[in-house]
Amino acid sequence: MVNGEYKIKVLAVYKYLLETDRDHSLTVPEITDKLEREYNISPDRQTLYSDLAAIEIIDPRFRKKRGVTGRFNSYWIEKEG
């Protein structure tokens, strides 16, 4: 992945999360599908987890719900108020 694609990917993931809430969260496979459809970017799972960890550091509203066995974690940005 070239540097420009990496920047687009991180920003796109954050944009997707800003459109979420507790009832409409996203999993890594869902984020991957959106990136492939909208930006023709096919990230590996590990880099997406790194992107999510970075977003967690910069936005205190970031939330994660652990998936039950065999399920993926869900991610969203908690809405204020």
PDB file of N, CA and C in Angstrom:
ATOM      1  N   MET A   1       0.854  -1.172   0.000  1.00  0.00           N
ATOM      2  CA  MET A   1       0.000   0.000   0.000  1.00  0.00           C
ATOM      3  C   MET A   1       0.900   1.234   0.000  1.00  0.00           C
ATOM      4  N   VAL A   2       0.674   2.128  -0.934  1.00  0.00           N
ATOM      5  CA  VAL A   2       1.477   3.343  -0.996  1.00  0.00           C
ATOM      6  C   VAL A   2       1.022   4.302   0.094  1.00  0.00           C
ATOM      7  N   ASN A   3       1.894   5.249   0.445  1.00  0.00           N
ATOM      8  CA  ASN A   3       1.622   6.162   1.553  1.00  0.00           C
ATOM      9  C   ASN A   3       0.302   6.915   1.376  1.00  0.00           C
ATOM     10  N   GLY A   4       0.000   7.360   0.171  1.00  0.00           N
ATOM     11  CA  GLY A   4      -1.252   8.071  -0.073  1.00  0.00           C
ATOM     12  C   GLY A   4      -2.467   7.219   0.232  1.00  0.00           C
ATOM     13  N   GLU A   5      -2.416   5.954  -0.140  1.00  0.00           N
ATOM     14  CA  GLU A   5      -3.523   5.047   0.155  1.00  0.00           C
ATOM     15  C   GLU A   5      -3.664   4.840   1.659  1.00  0.00           C
ATOM     16  N   TYR A   6      -2.540   4.782   2.374  1.00  0.00           N
ATOM     17  CA  TYR A   6      -2.602   4.600   3.819  1.00  0.00           C
ATOM     18  C   TYR A   6      -3.326   5.771   4.466  1.00  0.00           C
ATOM     19  N   LYS A   7      -2.996   6.989   4.038  1.00  0.00           N
ATOM     20  CA  LYS A   7      -3.653   8.173   4.608  1.00  0.00           C
ATOM     21  C   LYS A   7      -5.138   8.167   4.301  1.00  0.00           C
ATOM     22  N   ILE A   8      -5.485   7.830   3.074  1.00  0.00           N
ATOM     23  CA  ILE A   8      -6.903   7.762   2.711  1.00  0.00           C
ATOM     24  C   ILE A   8      -7.612   6.720   3.564  1.00  0.00           C
ATOM     25  N   LYS A   9      -6.968   5.570   3.758  1.00  0.00           N
ATOM     26  CA  LYS A   9      -7.580   4.481   4.527  1.00  0.00           C
ATOM     27  C   LYS A   9      -7.879   4.918   5.958  1.00  0.00           C
ATOM     28  N   VAL A  10      -6.911   5.513   6.619  1.00  0.00           N
ATOM     29  CA  VAL A  10      -7.108   5.932   8.011  1.00  0.00           C
ATOM     30  C   VAL A  10      -8.235   6.963   8.101  1.00  0.00           C
ATOM     31  N   LEU A  11      -8.223   7.933   7.202  1.00  0.00           N
ATOM     32  CA  LEU A  11      -9.268   8.959   7.223  1.00  0.00           C
ATOM     33  C   LEU A  11     -10.632   8.372   6.898  1.00  0.00           C
ATOM     34  N   ALA A  12     -10.680   7.443   5.964  1.00  0.00           N
ATOM     35  CA  ALA A  12     -11.955   6.808   5.618  1.00  0.00           C
ATOM     36  C   ALA A  12     -12.498   6.001   6.794  1.00  0.00           C
ATOM     37  N   VAL A  13     -11.639   5.262   7.474  1.00  0.00           N
ATOM     38  CA  VAL A  13     -12.081   4.480   8.640  1.00  0.00           C
ATOM     39  C   VAL A  13     -12.657   5.422   9.699  1.00  0.00           C
ATOM     40  N   TYR A  14     -11.992   6.526   9.943  1.00  0.00           N
ATOM     41  CA  TYR A  14     -12.495   7.491  10.933  1.00  0.00           C
ATOM     42  C   TYR A  14     -13.831   8.073  10.479  1.00  0.00           C
ATOM     43  N   LYS A  15     -13.938   8.393   9.193  1.00  0.00           N
ATOM     44  CA  LYS A  15     -15.197   8.922   8.655  1.00  0.00           C
ATOM     45  C   LYS A  15     -16.320   7.902   8.864  1.00  0.00           C
ATOM     46  N   TYR A  16     -16.037   6.631   8.570  1.00  0.00           N
ATOM     47  CA  TYR A  16     -17.058   5.595   8.774  1.00  0.00           C
ATOM     48  C   TYR A  16     -17.496   5.542  10.231  1.00  0.00           C
ATOM     49  N   LEU A  17     -16.542   5.626  11.141  1.00  0.00           N
ATOM     50  CA  LEU A  17     -16.872   5.564  12.571  1.00  0.00           C
ATOM     51  C   LEU A  17     -17.689   6.769  13.016  1.00  0.00           C
ATOM     52  N   LEU A  18     -17.417   7.936  12.436  1.00  0.00           N
ATOM     53  CA  LEU A  18     -18.189   9.127  12.791  1.00  0.00           C
ATOM     54  C   LEU A  18     -19.655   8.989  12.389  1.00  0.00           C
ATOM     55  N   GLU A  19     -19.942   8.087  11.475  1.00  0.00           N
ATOM     56  CA  GLU A  19     -21.311   7.853  11.022  1.00  0.00           C
ATOM     57  C   GLU A  19     -22.000   6.741  11.814  1.00  0.00           C
ATOM     58  N   THR A  20     -21.339   6.233  12.854  1.00  0.00           N
ATOM     59  CA  THR A  20     -21.878   5.119  13.638  1.00  0.00           C
ATOM     60  C   THR A  20     -22.434   5.598  14.969  1.00  0.00           C
ATOM     61  N   ASP A  21     -23.079   4.690  15.659  1.00  0.00           N
ATOM     62  CA  ASP A  21     -23.454   4.861  17.058  1.00  0.00           C
ATOM     63  C   ASP A  21     -23.558   3.460  17.656  1.00  0.00           C
ATOM     64  N   ARG A  22     -23.927   3.381  18.907  1.00  0.00           N
ATOM     65  CA  ARG A  22     -23.976   2.080  19.592  1.00  0.00           C
ATOM     66  C   ARG A  22     -24.867   1.077  18.848  1.00  0.00           C
ATOM     67  N   ASP A  23     -25.967   1.539  18.296  1.00  0.00           N
ATOM     68  CA  ASP A  23     -26.905   0.651  17.618  1.00  0.00           C
ATOM     69  C   ASP A  23     -26.529   0.360  16.169  1.00  0.00           C
ATOM     70  N   HIS A  24     -25.590   1.117  15.631  1.00  0.00           N
ATOM     71  CA  HIS A  24     -25.166   0.959  14.231  1.00  0.00           C
ATOM     72  C   HIS A  24     -23.647   0.953  14.165  1.00  0.00           C
ATOM     73  N   SER A  25     -23.044  -0.011  14.832  1.00  0.00           N
ATOM     74  CA  SER A  25     -21.593  -0.123  14.897  1.00  0.00           C
ATOM     75  C   SER A  25     -21.064  -0.872  13.672  1.00  0.00           C
ATOM     76  N   LEU A  26     -19.740  -0.916  13.547  1.00  0.00           N
ATOM     77  CA  LEU A  26     -19.095  -1.598  12.429  1.00  0.00           C
ATOM     78  C   LEU A  26     -18.088  -2.622  12.938  1.00  0.00           C
ATOM     79  N   THR A  27     -17.938  -3.700  12.199  1.00  0.00           N
ATOM     80  CA  THR A  27     -16.900  -4.691  12.465  1.00  0.00           C
ATOM     81  C   THR A  27     -15.776  -4.495  11.449  1.00  0.00           C
ATOM     82  N   VAL A  28     -14.636  -5.107  11.686  1.00  0.00           N
ATOM     83  CA  VAL A  28     -13.514  -5.009  10.743  1.00  0.00           C
ATOM     84  C   VAL A  28     -13.901  -5.537   9.351  1.00  0.00           C
ATOM     85  N   PRO A  29     -14.600  -6.677   9.232  1.00  0.00           N
ATOM     86  CA  PRO A  29     -15.000  -7.107   7.887  1.00  0.00           C
ATOM     87  C   PRO A  29     -15.917  -6.090   7.181  1.00  0.00           C
ATOM     88  N   GLU A  30     -16.789  -5.438   7.933  1.00  0.00           N
ATOM     89  CA  GLU A  30     -17.653  -4.417   7.333  1.00  0.00           C
ATOM     90  C   GLU A  30     -16.846  -3.210   6.867  1.00  0.00           C
ATOM     91  N   ILE A  31     -15.883  -2.806   7.680  1.00  0.00           N
ATOM     92  CA  ILE A  31     -15.015  -1.691   7.295  1.00  0.00           C
ATOM     93  C   ILE A  31     -14.212  -2.063   6.043  1.00  0.00           C
ATOM     94  N   THR A  32     -13.685  -3.277   6.010  1.00  0.00           N
ATOM     95  CA  THR A  32     -12.936  -3.746   4.841  1.00  0.00           C
ATOM     96  C   THR A  32     -13.791  -3.689   3.588  1.00  0.00           C
ATOM     97  N   ASP A  33     -15.029  -4.167   3.679  1.00  0.00           N
ATOM     98  CA  ASP A  33     -15.936  -4.143   2.526  1.00  0.00           C
ATOM     99  C   ASP A  33     -16.167  -2.717   2.033  1.00  0.00           C
ATOM    100  N   LYS A  34     -16.381  -1.794   2.965  1.00  0.00           N
ATOM    101  CA  LYS A  34     -16.615  -0.401   2.578  1.00  0.00           C
ATOM    102  C   LYS A  34     -15.383   0.195   1.890  1.00  0.00           C
ATOM    103  N   LEU A  35     -14.199  -0.078   2.430  1.00  0.00           N
ATOM    104  CA  LEU A  35     -12.971   0.440   1.825  1.00  0.00           C
ATOM    105  C   LEU A  35     -12.770  -0.104   0.410  1.00  0.00           C
ATOM    106  N   GLU A  36     -13.054  -1.378   0.236  1.00  0.00           N
ATOM    107  CA  GLU A  36     -12.893  -1.987  -1.083  1.00  0.00           C
ATOM    108  C   GLU A  36     -13.889  -1.404  -2.081  1.00  0.00           C
ATOM    109  N   ARG A  37     -15.135  -1.253  -1.657  1.00  0.00           N
ATOM    110  CA  ARG A  37     -16.178  -0.720  -2.536  1.00  0.00           C
ATOM    111  C   ARG A  37     -15.954   0.747  -2.890  1.00  0.00           C
ATOM    112  N   GLU A  38     -15.667   1.558  -1.873  1.00  0.00           N
ATOM    113  CA  GLU A  38     -15.630   3.005  -2.070  1.00  0.00           C
ATOM    114  C   GLU A  38     -14.281   3.537  -2.537  1.00  0.00           C
ATOM    115  N   TYR A  39     -13.182   2.884  -2.151  1.00  0.00           N
ATOM    116  CA  TYR A  39     -11.856   3.423  -2.456  1.00  0.00           C
ATOM    117  C   TYR A  39     -10.938   2.431  -3.172  1.00  0.00           C
ATOM    118  N   ASN A  40     -11.436   1.238  -3.432  1.00  0.00           N
ATOM    119  CA  ASN A  40     -10.630   0.199  -4.081  1.00  0.00           C
ATOM    120  C   ASN A  40      -9.343  -0.084  -3.293  1.00  0.00           C
ATOM    121  N   ILE A  41      -9.468  -0.052  -1.970  1.00  0.00           N
ATOM    122  CA  ILE A  41      -8.353  -0.342  -1.069  1.00  0.00           C
ATOM    123  C   ILE A  41      -8.669  -1.649  -0.346  1.00  0.00           C
ATOM    124  N   SER A  42      -7.725  -2.585  -0.385  1.00  0.00           N
ATOM    125  CA  SER A  42      -7.897  -3.888   0.272  1.00  0.00           C
ATOM    126  C   SER A  42      -6.905  -4.004   1.426  1.00  0.00           C
ATOM    127  N   PRO A  43      -7.256  -3.490   2.598  1.00  0.00           N
ATOM    128  CA  PRO A  43      -6.325  -3.529   3.723  1.00  0.00           C
ATOM    129  C   PRO A  43      -6.286  -4.900   4.374  1.00  0.00           C
ATOM    130  N   ASP A  44      -5.154  -5.210   4.987  1.00  0.00           N
ATOM    131  CA  ASP A  44      -5.135  -6.436   5.774  1.00  0.00           C
ATOM    132  C   ASP A  44      -5.698  -6.116   7.161  1.00  0.00           C
ATOM    133  N   ARG A  45      -6.176  -7.141   7.796  1.00  0.00           N
ATOM    134  CA  ARG A  45      -6.874  -6.984   9.075  1.00  0.00           C
ATOM    135  C   ARG A  45      -5.990  -6.318  10.136  1.00  0.00           C
ATOM    136  N   GLN A  46      -4.723  -6.687  10.180  1.00  0.00           N
ATOM    137  CA  GLN A  46      -3.830  -6.155  11.214  1.00  0.00           C
ATOM    138  C   GLN A  46      -3.657  -4.640  11.094  1.00  0.00           C
ATOM    139  N   THR A  47      -3.559  -4.118   9.870  1.00  0.00           N
ATOM    140  CA  THR A  47      -3.416  -2.663   9.733  1.00  0.00           C
ATOM    141  C   THR A  47      -4.696  -1.949  10.147  1.00  0.00           C
ATOM    142  N   LEU A  48      -5.844  -2.579   9.908  1.00  0.00           N
ATOM    143  CA  LEU A  48      -7.085  -1.951  10.364  1.00  0.00           C
ATOM    144  C   LEU A  48      -7.144  -1.881  11.887  1.00  0.00           C
ATOM    145  N   TYR A  49      -6.671  -2.923  12.549  1.00  0.00           N
ATOM    146  CA  TYR A  49      -6.635  -2.873  14.014  1.00  0.00           C
ATOM    147  C   TYR A  49      -5.691  -1.768  14.493  1.00  0.00           C
ATOM    148  N   SER A  50      -4.589  -1.561  13.801  1.00  0.00           N
ATOM    149  CA  SER A  50      -3.672  -0.459  14.145  1.00  0.00           C
ATOM    150  C   SER A  50      -4.350   0.895  13.930  1.00  0.00           C
ATOM    151  N   ASP A  51      -5.085   1.022  12.834  1.00  0.00           N
ATOM    152  CA  ASP A  51      -5.820   2.266  12.573  1.00  0.00           C
ATOM    153  C   ASP A  51      -6.850   2.522  13.669  1.00  0.00           C
ATOM    154  N   LEU A  52      -7.576   1.495  14.059  1.00  0.00           N
ATOM    155  CA  LEU A  52      -8.573   1.638  15.121  1.00  0.00           C
ATOM    156  C   LEU A  52      -7.920   2.024  16.445  1.00  0.00           C
ATOM    157  N   ALA A  53      -6.758   1.468  16.736  1.00  0.00           N
ATOM    158  CA  ALA A  53      -6.035   1.826  17.964  1.00  0.00           C
ATOM    159  C   ALA A  53      -5.616   3.289  17.936  1.00  0.00           C
ATOM    160  N   ALA A  54      -5.199   3.785  16.774  1.00  0.00           N
ATOM    161  CA  ALA A  54      -4.818   5.197  16.649  1.00  0.00           C
ATOM    162  C   ALA A  54      -6.035   6.098  16.832  1.00  0.00           C
ATOM    163  N   ILE A  55      -7.155   5.713  16.247  1.00  0.00           N
ATOM    164  CA  ILE A  55      -8.381   6.499  16.394  1.00  0.00           C
ATOM    165  C   ILE A  55      -8.822   6.512  17.855  1.00  0.00           C
ATOM    166  N   GLU A  56      -8.658   5.398  18.535  1.00  0.00           N
ATOM    167  CA  GLU A  56      -9.017   5.326  19.958  1.00  0.00           C
ATOM    168  C   GLU A  56      -8.206   6.336  20.772  1.00  0.00           C
ATOM    169  N   ILE A  57      -6.962   6.551  20.390  1.00  0.00           N
ATOM    170  CA  ILE A  57      -6.104   7.508  21.097  1.00  0.00           C
ATOM    171  C   ILE A  57      -6.561   8.945  20.862  1.00  0.00           C
ATOM    172  N   ILE A  58      -6.960   9.275  19.630  1.00  0.00           N
ATOM    173  CA  ILE A  58      -7.287  10.678  19.333  1.00  0.00           C
ATOM    174  C   ILE A  58      -8.728  11.065  19.622  1.00  0.00           C
ATOM    175  N   ASP A  59      -9.631  10.104  19.724  1.00  0.00           N
ATOM    176  CA  ASP A  59     -11.034  10.438  19.969  1.00  0.00           C
ATOM    177  C   ASP A  59     -11.545   9.682  21.192  1.00  0.00           C
ATOM    178  N   PRO A  60     -11.750  10.390  22.303  1.00  0.00           N
ATOM    179  CA  PRO A  60     -12.192   9.722  23.531  1.00  0.00           C
ATOM    180  C   PRO A  60     -13.602   9.144  23.433  1.00  0.00           C
ATOM    181  N   ARG A  61     -14.335   9.465  22.385  1.00  0.00           N
ATOM    182  CA  ARG A  61     -15.693   8.921  22.206  1.00  0.00           C
ATOM    183  C   ARG A  61     -15.675   7.530  21.566  1.00  0.00           C
ATOM    184  N   PHE A  62     -14.503   7.078  21.146  1.00  0.00           N
ATOM    185  CA  PHE A  62     -14.354   5.766  20.509  1.00  0.00           C
ATOM    186  C   PHE A  62     -14.766   4.672  21.487  1.00  0.00           C
ATOM    187  N   ARG A  63     -15.565   3.737  20.986  1.00  0.00           N
ATOM    188  CA  ARG A  63     -16.019   2.622  21.813  1.00  0.00           C
ATOM    189  C   ARG A  63     -15.825   1.310  21.061  1.00  0.00           C
ATOM    190  N   LYS A  64     -15.667   0.243  21.854  1.00  0.00           N
ATOM    191  CA  LYS A  64     -15.503  -1.097  21.293  1.00  0.00           C
ATOM    192  C   LYS A  64     -16.293  -2.072  22.151  1.00  0.00           C
ATOM    193  N   LYS A  65     -17.008  -2.957  21.491  1.00  0.00           N
ATOM    194  CA  LYS A  65     -17.705  -4.036  22.186  1.00  0.00           C
ATOM    195  C   LYS A  65     -17.113  -5.348  21.703  1.00  0.00           C
ATOM    196  N   ARG A  66     -16.621  -6.127  22.625  1.00  0.00           N
ATOM    197  CA  ARG A  66     -16.025  -7.414  22.269  1.00  0.00           C
ATOM    198  C   ARG A  66     -17.096  -8.347  21.728  1.00  0.00           C
ATOM    199  N   GLY A  67     -16.738  -9.015  20.647  1.00  0.00           N
ATOM    200  CA  GLY A  67     -17.652 -10.002  20.077  1.00  0.00           C
ATOM    201  C   GLY A  67     -17.647 -11.267  20.911  1.00  0.00           C
ATOM    202  N   VAL A  68     -18.764 -11.960  20.903  1.00  0.00           N
ATOM    203  CA  VAL A  68     -18.808 -13.258  21.577  1.00  0.00           C
ATOM    204  C   VAL A  68     -17.988 -14.239  20.749  1.00  0.00           C
ATOM    205  N   THR A  69     -17.696 -15.371  21.270  1.00  0.00           N
ATOM    206  CA  THR A  69     -16.844 -16.352  20.600  1.00  0.00           C
ATOM    207  C   THR A  69     -17.262 -16.532  19.143  1.00  0.00           C
ATOM    208  N   GLY A  70     -16.288 -16.391  18.271  1.00  0.00           N
ATOM    209  CA  GLY A  70     -16.560 -16.556  16.852  1.00  0.00           C
ATOM    210  C   GLY A  70     -17.081 -15.315  16.161  1.00  0.00           C
ATOM    211  N   ARG A  71     -17.269 -14.249  16.902  1.00  0.00           N
ATOM    212  CA  ARG A  71     -17.789 -12.997  16.332  1.00  0.00           C
ATOM    213  C   ARG A  71     -16.718 -11.923  16.417  1.00  0.00           C
ATOM    214  N   PHE A  72     -16.829 -10.926  15.545  1.00  0.00           N
ATOM    215  CA  PHE A  72     -15.884  -9.823  15.549  1.00  0.00           C
ATOM    216  C   PHE A  72     -16.310  -8.738  16.525  1.00  0.00           C
ATOM    217  N   ASN A  73     -15.327  -7.980  17.006  1.00  0.00           N
ATOM    218  CA  ASN A  73     -15.625  -6.817  17.833  1.00  0.00           C
ATOM    219  C   ASN A  73     -16.393  -5.801  17.003  1.00  0.00           C
ATOM    220  N   SER A  74     -17.180  -4.978  17.698  1.00  0.00           N
ATOM    221  CA  SER A  74     -17.914  -3.887  17.058  1.00  0.00           C
ATOM    222  C   SER A  74     -17.318  -2.565  17.521  1.00  0.00           C
ATOM    223  N   TYR A  75     -17.280  -1.588  16.622  1.00  0.00           N
ATOM    224  CA  TYR A  75     -16.669  -0.283  16.919  1.00  0.00           C
ATOM    225  C   TYR A  75     -17.645   0.832  16.549  1.00  0.00           C
ATOM    226  N   TRP A  76     -17.622   1.902  17.336  1.00  0.00           N
ATOM    227  CA  TRP A  76     -18.442   3.068  17.024  1.00  0.00           C
ATOM    228  C   TRP A  76     -17.880   4.277  17.754  1.00  0.00           C
ATOM    229  N   ILE A  77     -18.418   5.435  17.390  1.00  0.00           N
ATOM    230  CA  ILE A  77     -18.113   6.685  18.087  1.00  0.00           C
ATOM    231  C   ILE A  77     -19.368   7.052  18.871  1.00  0.00           C
ATOM    232  N   GLU A  78     -19.234   7.156  20.170  1.00  0.00           N
ATOM    233  CA  GLU A  78     -20.351   7.486  21.051  1.00  0.00           C
ATOM    234  C   GLU A  78     -20.778   8.929  20.790  1.00  0.00           C
ATOM    235  N   LYS A  79     -22.049   9.123  20.614  1.00  0.00           N
ATOM    236  CA  LYS A  79     -22.578  10.468  20.389  1.00  0.00           C
ATOM    237  C   LYS A  79     -22.702  11.188  21.726  1.00  0.00           C
ATOM    238  N   GLU A  80     -22.414  12.476  21.698  1.00  0.00           N
ATOM    239  CA  GLU A  80     -22.497  13.275  22.922  1.00  0.00           C
ATOM    240  C   GLU A  80     -23.935  13.666  23.187  1.00  0.00           C
ATOM    241  N   GLY A  81     -24.272  13.787  24.472  1.00  0.00           N
ATOM    242  CA  GLY A  81     -25.572  14.292  24.864  1.00  0.00           C
ATOM    243  C   GLY A  81     -26.594  13.271  24.797  1.00  0.00           C
TER     244      GLY A  81
END
